[in-house]
Amino acid sequence: MKSPVQLFIAVAILLATATVAAQVYKWVDKDGKVQYTDTPPPASATKTEAKKVDTAPPVASTTAASAKSLQDRAKDYDKRKTDAAEKAKKSETDQQNAAANAANCSDARASLRDLETGRPTARTTEAGVREILNDEARQAEMAKARKSIADFCKG
């Protein structure tokens, strides 16, 4: 059963949207131009035509719009709020990934530049021993650096 307040609001909406009609006149003046007015045309007018125009909005659209409950609107709001939070989180993650890719790109380019100079280059093994790269190891490191550049330096 509906509450008295809801019933009162529904009746008020129905009364407020009562049909309002106006009369519009269409006529041709002495120069042959078609005129539209809300007052009757002068006697010299030819081809006079009177039409009634409904100026009130359809009642069905008014009641349909007000029929959406407060709970439905609250659910819609919560969904929009959740979607906005997810979008912001995704945007932040994308920015962090872009920053990490830029740093990796810069490091890979610097490494390739150092390897291409031809100067002796050393690296530390897993055991903690420092060893100088021979030509094969240098070429392998250069290939790794080029692959890293291809992966991280897009755009």
C-alpha atoms as a PDB file:
ATOM      1  CA  MET A   1       0.000   0.000   0.000  1.00  0.00           C
ATOM      2  CA  LYS A   2       1.304   3.437  -0.898  1.00  0.00           C
ATOM      3  CA  SER A   3       1.774   6.054   1.763  1.00  0.00           C
ATOM      4  CA  PRO A   4      -0.524   9.108   1.789  1.00  0.00           C
ATOM      5  CA  VAL A   5       2.427  11.359   0.864  1.00  0.00           C
ATOM      6  CA  GLN A   6       3.172   9.356  -2.281  1.00  0.00           C
ATOM      7  CA  LEU A   7      -0.512   9.382  -3.217  1.00  0.00           C
ATOM      8  CA  PHE A   8      -0.697  13.153  -2.702  1.00  0.00           C
ATOM      9  CA  ILE A   9       2.386  13.718  -4.867  1.00  0.00           C
ATOM     10  CA  ALA A  10       0.982  11.532  -7.661  1.00  0.00           C
ATOM     11  CA  VAL A  11      -2.343  13.427  -7.647  1.00  0.00           C
ATOM     12  CA  ALA A  12      -0.518  16.776  -7.602  1.00  0.00           C
ATOM     13  CA  ILE A  13       1.564  15.763 -10.624  1.00  0.00           C
ATOM     14  CA  LEU A  14      -1.524  14.654 -12.528  1.00  0.00           C
ATOM     15  CA  LEU A  15      -3.335  17.912 -11.772  1.00  0.00           C
ATOM     16  CA  ALA A  16      -0.299  20.047 -12.664  1.00  0.00           C
ATOM     17  CA  THR A  17      -0.012  18.469 -16.094  1.00  0.00           C
ATOM     18  CA  ALA A  18      -3.555  19.175 -17.207  1.00  0.00           C
ATOM     19  CA  THR A  19      -3.884  19.563 -20.953  1.00  0.00           C
ATOM     20  CA  VAL A  20      -3.455  23.122 -22.169  1.00  0.00           C
ATOM     21  CA  ALA A  21      -4.486  23.894 -25.735  1.00  0.00           C
ATOM     22  CA  ALA A  22      -3.820  26.999 -27.813  1.00  0.00           C
ATOM     23  CA  GLN A  23      -5.097  28.036 -31.212  1.00  0.00           C
ATOM     24  CA  VAL A  24      -2.692  28.950 -34.007  1.00  0.00           C
ATOM     25  CA  TYR A  25      -3.716  30.607 -37.261  1.00  0.00           C
ATOM     26  CA  LYS A  26      -2.001  29.949 -40.584  1.00  0.00           C
ATOM     27  CA  TRP A  27      -2.717  32.391 -43.413  1.00  0.00           C
ATOM     28  CA  VAL A  28      -1.247  33.856 -46.594  1.00  0.00           C
ATOM     29  CA  ASP A  29      -0.779  37.641 -46.726  1.00  0.00           C
ATOM     30  CA  LYS A  30      -1.179  39.937 -49.757  1.00  0.00           C
ATOM     31  CA  ASP A  31       2.494  39.344 -50.750  1.00  0.00           C
ATOM     32  CA  GLY A  32       2.001  35.576 -50.830  1.00  0.00           C
ATOM     33  CA  LYS A  33       3.996  34.845 -47.640  1.00  0.00           C
ATOM     34  CA  VAL A  34       2.719  32.249 -45.179  1.00  0.00           C
ATOM     35  CA  GLN A  35       2.173  33.718 -41.698  1.00  0.00           C
ATOM     36  CA  TYR A  36       1.613  31.974 -38.344  1.00  0.00           C
ATOM     37  CA  THR A  37       0.029  33.916 -35.466  1.00  0.00           C
ATOM     38  CA  ASP A  38      -1.977  33.325 -32.316  1.00  0.00           C
ATOM     39  CA  THR A  39      -4.430  36.109 -33.258  1.00  0.00           C
ATOM     40  CA  PRO A  40      -7.004  35.885 -36.044  1.00  0.00           C
ATOM     41  CA  PRO A  41      -5.707  37.075 -39.445  1.00  0.00           C
ATOM     42  CA  PRO A  42      -6.868  40.340 -41.053  1.00  0.00           C
ATOM     43  CA  ALA A  43      -9.806  40.277 -43.448  1.00  0.00           C
ATOM     44  CA  SER A  44      -7.460  40.701 -46.454  1.00  0.00           C
ATOM     45  CA  ALA A  45      -5.780  37.312 -45.736  1.00  0.00           C
ATOM     46  CA  THR A  46      -6.280  34.388 -48.060  1.00  0.00           C
ATOM     47  CA  LYS A  47      -6.214  30.665 -47.308  1.00  0.00           C
ATOM     48  CA  THR A  48      -6.919  31.002 -43.596  1.00  0.00           C
ATOM     49  CA  GLU A  49      -6.593  27.903 -41.427  1.00  0.00           C
ATOM     50  CA  ALA A  50      -7.008  27.572 -37.634  1.00  0.00           C
ATOM     51  CA  LYS A  51      -5.344  24.716 -35.706  1.00  0.00           C
ATOM     52  CA  LYS A  52      -5.436  23.677 -32.064  1.00  0.00           C
ATOM     53  CA  VAL A  53      -2.027  22.908 -30.576  1.00  0.00           C
ATOM     54  CA  ASP A  54      -1.499  20.848 -27.436  1.00  0.00           C
ATOM     55  CA  THR A  55       1.182  22.580 -25.361  1.00  0.00           C
ATOM     56  CA  ALA A  56       1.258  20.238 -22.351  1.00  0.00           C
ATOM     57  CA  PRO A  57       3.838  17.461 -22.158  1.00  0.00           C
ATOM     58  CA  PRO A  58       2.515  13.905 -22.261  1.00  0.00           C
ATOM     59  CA  VAL A  59       1.467  12.694 -18.822  1.00  0.00           C
ATOM     60  CA  ALA A  60       3.077   9.286 -19.322  1.00  0.00           C
ATOM     61  CA  SER A  61       6.587  10.751 -19.601  1.00  0.00           C
ATOM     62  CA  THR A  62       6.156  12.789 -16.410  1.00  0.00           C
ATOM     63  CA  THR A  63       4.948   9.857 -14.348  1.00  0.00           C
ATOM     64  CA  ALA A  64       7.570   7.524 -15.840  1.00  0.00           C
ATOM     65  CA  ALA A  65      10.357   9.893 -14.871  1.00  0.00           C
ATOM     66  CA  SER A  66       9.044  10.252 -11.324  1.00  0.00           C
ATOM     67  CA  ALA A  67       8.438   6.523 -11.017  1.00  0.00           C
ATOM     68  CA  LYS A  68      12.138   5.809 -10.574  1.00  0.00           C
ATOM     69  CA  SER A  69      12.482   5.081  -6.911  1.00  0.00           C
ATOM     70  CA  LEU A  70      14.976   6.596  -4.552  1.00  0.00           C
ATOM     71  CA  GLN A  71      16.573   3.168  -4.121  1.00  0.00           C
ATOM     72  CA  ASP A  72      17.154   2.850  -7.874  1.00  0.00           C
ATOM     73  CA  ARG A  73      18.737   6.297  -7.990  1.00  0.00           C
ATOM     74  CA  ALA A  74      20.943   5.403  -5.000  1.00  0.00           C
ATOM     75  CA  LYS A  75      22.059   2.192  -6.746  1.00  0.00           C
ATOM     76  CA  ASP A  76      22.861   4.165  -9.902  1.00  0.00           C
ATOM     77  CA  TYR A  77      24.870   6.670  -7.868  1.00  0.00           C
ATOM     78  CA  ASP A  78      26.819   3.919  -6.104  1.00  0.00           C
ATOM     79  CA  LYS A  79      27.579   2.257  -9.448  1.00  0.00           C
ATOM     80  CA  ARG A  80      28.836   5.525 -10.958  1.00  0.00           C
ATOM     81  CA  LYS A  81      30.946   6.154  -7.849  1.00  0.00           C
ATOM     82  CA  THR A  82      32.461   2.649  -8.001  1.00  0.00           C
ATOM     83  CA  ASP A  83      33.148   2.983 -11.739  1.00  0.00           C
ATOM     84  CA  ALA A  84      34.877   6.335 -11.190  1.00  0.00           C
ATOM     85  CA  ALA A  85      37.067   4.863  -8.420  1.00  0.00           C
ATOM     86  CA  GLU A  86      38.054   1.922 -10.632  1.00  0.00           C
ATOM     87  CA  LYS A  87      38.865   4.263 -13.501  1.00  0.00           C
ATOM     88  CA  ALA A  88      41.035   6.439 -11.238  1.00  0.00           C
ATOM     89  CA  LYS A  89      42.873   3.364  -9.908  1.00  0.00           C
ATOM     90  CA  LYS A  90      43.480   2.078 -13.447  1.00  0.00           C
ATOM     91  CA  SER A  91      44.761   5.492 -14.505  1.00  0.00           C
ATOM     92  CA  GLU A  92      47.179   5.580 -11.558  1.00  0.00           C
ATOM     93  CA  THR A  93      48.415   2.051 -12.355  1.00  0.00           C
ATOM     94  CA  ASP A  94      48.904   3.013 -16.014  1.00  0.00           C
ATOM     95  CA  GLN A  95      50.939   6.062 -14.974  1.00  0.00           C
ATOM     96  CA  GLN A  96      53.134   3.954 -12.678  1.00  0.00           C
ATOM     97  CA  ASN A  97      53.705   1.413 -15.463  1.00  0.00           C
ATOM     98  CA  ALA A  98      54.607   4.177 -17.907  1.00  0.00           C
ATOM     99  CA  ALA A  99      57.121   5.640 -15.435  1.00  0.00           C
ATOM    100  CA  ALA A 100      58.703   2.205 -14.851  1.00  0.00           C
ATOM    101  CA  ASN A 101      58.936   1.586 -18.612  1.00  0.00           C
ATOM    102  CA  ALA A 102      60.594   4.978 -19.117  1.00  0.00           C
ATOM    103  CA  ALA A 103      63.184   4.202 -16.427  1.00  0.00           C
ATOM    104  CA  ASN A 104      63.872   0.732 -17.885  1.00  0.00           C
ATOM    105  CA  CYS A 105      64.195   2.257 -21.369  1.00  0.00           C
ATOM    106  CA  SER A 106      66.706   4.802 -20.130  1.00  0.00           C
ATOM    107  CA  ASP A 107      68.749   2.116 -18.341  1.00  0.00           C
ATOM    108  CA  ALA A 108      68.763  -0.177 -21.389  1.00  0.00           C
ATOM    109  CA  ARG A 109      69.907   2.638 -23.693  1.00  0.00           C
ATOM    110  CA  ALA A 110      72.705   3.607 -21.289  1.00  0.00           C
ATOM    111  CA  SER A 111      73.820  -0.023 -21.051  1.00  0.00           C
ATOM    112  CA  LEU A 112      73.866  -0.418 -24.847  1.00  0.00           C
ATOM    113  CA  ARG A 113      75.793   2.834 -25.228  1.00  0.00           C
ATOM    114  CA  ASP A 114      78.421   1.613 -22.743  1.00  0.00           C
ATOM    115  CA  LEU A 115      78.712  -1.770 -24.441  1.00  0.00           C
ATOM    116  CA  GLU A 116      79.084  -0.236 -27.917  1.00  0.00           C
ATOM    117  CA  THR A 117      82.107   1.882 -26.883  1.00  0.00           C
ATOM    118  CA  GLY A 118      84.338  -1.181 -27.026  1.00  0.00           C
ATOM    119  CA  ARG A 119      85.998  -0.389 -23.708  1.00  0.00           C
ATOM    120  CA  PRO A 120      86.531  -3.319 -21.387  1.00  0.00           C
ATOM    121  CA  THR A 121      83.381  -3.893 -19.361  1.00  0.00           C
ATOM    122  CA  ALA A 122      83.130  -5.874 -16.151  1.00  0.00           C
ATOM    123  CA  ARG A 123      80.180  -7.539 -14.502  1.00  0.00           C
ATOM    124  CA  THR A 124      79.722  -9.304 -11.204  1.00  0.00           C
ATOM    125  CA  THR A 125      78.757 -12.981 -11.281  1.00  0.00           C
ATOM    126  CA  GLU A 126      76.233 -14.596  -8.958  1.00  0.00           C
ATOM    127  CA  ALA A 127      79.105 -15.763  -6.771  1.00  0.00           C
ATOM    128  CA  GLY A 128      80.221 -12.136  -6.362  1.00  0.00           C
ATOM    129  CA  VAL A 129      83.304 -12.470  -8.563  1.00  0.00           C
ATOM    130  CA  ARG A 130      84.060  -9.620 -10.968  1.00  0.00           C
ATOM    131  CA  GLU A 131      84.842 -10.699 -14.521  1.00  0.00           C
ATOM    132  CA  ILE A 132      85.682  -8.799 -17.710  1.00  0.00           C
ATOM    133  CA  LEU A 133      83.348  -9.491 -20.653  1.00  0.00           C
ATOM    134  CA  ASN A 134      84.887 -11.154 -23.690  1.00  0.00           C
ATOM    135  CA  ASP A 135      83.568 -10.444 -27.217  1.00  0.00           C
ATOM    136  CA  GLU A 136      80.922 -13.210 -27.095  1.00  0.00           C
ATOM    137  CA  ALA A 137      79.586 -12.081 -23.718  1.00  0.00           C
ATOM    138  CA  ARG A 138      79.615  -8.433 -24.918  1.00  0.00           C
ATOM    139  CA  GLN A 139      77.551  -9.373 -28.001  1.00  0.00           C
ATOM    140  CA  ALA A 140      75.119 -11.331 -25.826  1.00  0.00           C
ATOM    141  CA  GLU A 141      74.740  -8.343 -23.443  1.00  0.00           C
ATOM    142  CA  MET A 142      74.232  -6.011 -26.412  1.00  0.00           C
ATOM    143  CA  ALA A 143      71.473  -8.295 -27.736  1.00  0.00           C
ATOM    144  CA  LYS A 144      69.787  -8.249 -24.305  1.00  0.00           C
ATOM    145  CA  ALA A 145      70.015  -4.445 -24.204  1.00  0.00           C
ATOM    146  CA  ARG A 146      68.513  -4.134 -27.715  1.00  0.00           C
ATOM    147  CA  LYS A 147      65.657  -6.446 -26.732  1.00  0.00           C
ATOM    148  CA  SER A 148      65.029  -4.369 -23.598  1.00  0.00           C
ATOM    149  CA  ILE A 149      64.996  -1.201 -25.696  1.00  0.00           C
ATOM    150  CA  ALA A 150      62.474  -2.791 -28.065  1.00  0.00           C
ATOM    151  CA  ASP A 151      60.296  -3.847 -25.099  1.00  0.00           C
ATOM    152  CA  PHE A 152      60.422  -0.667 -22.992  1.00  0.00           C
ATOM    153  CA  CYS A 153      61.013   2.162 -25.455  1.00  0.00           C
ATOM    154  CA  LYS A 154      57.726   2.086 -27.353  1.00  0.00           C
ATOM    155  CA  GLY A 155      56.361   5.328 -28.696  1.00  0.00           C
END
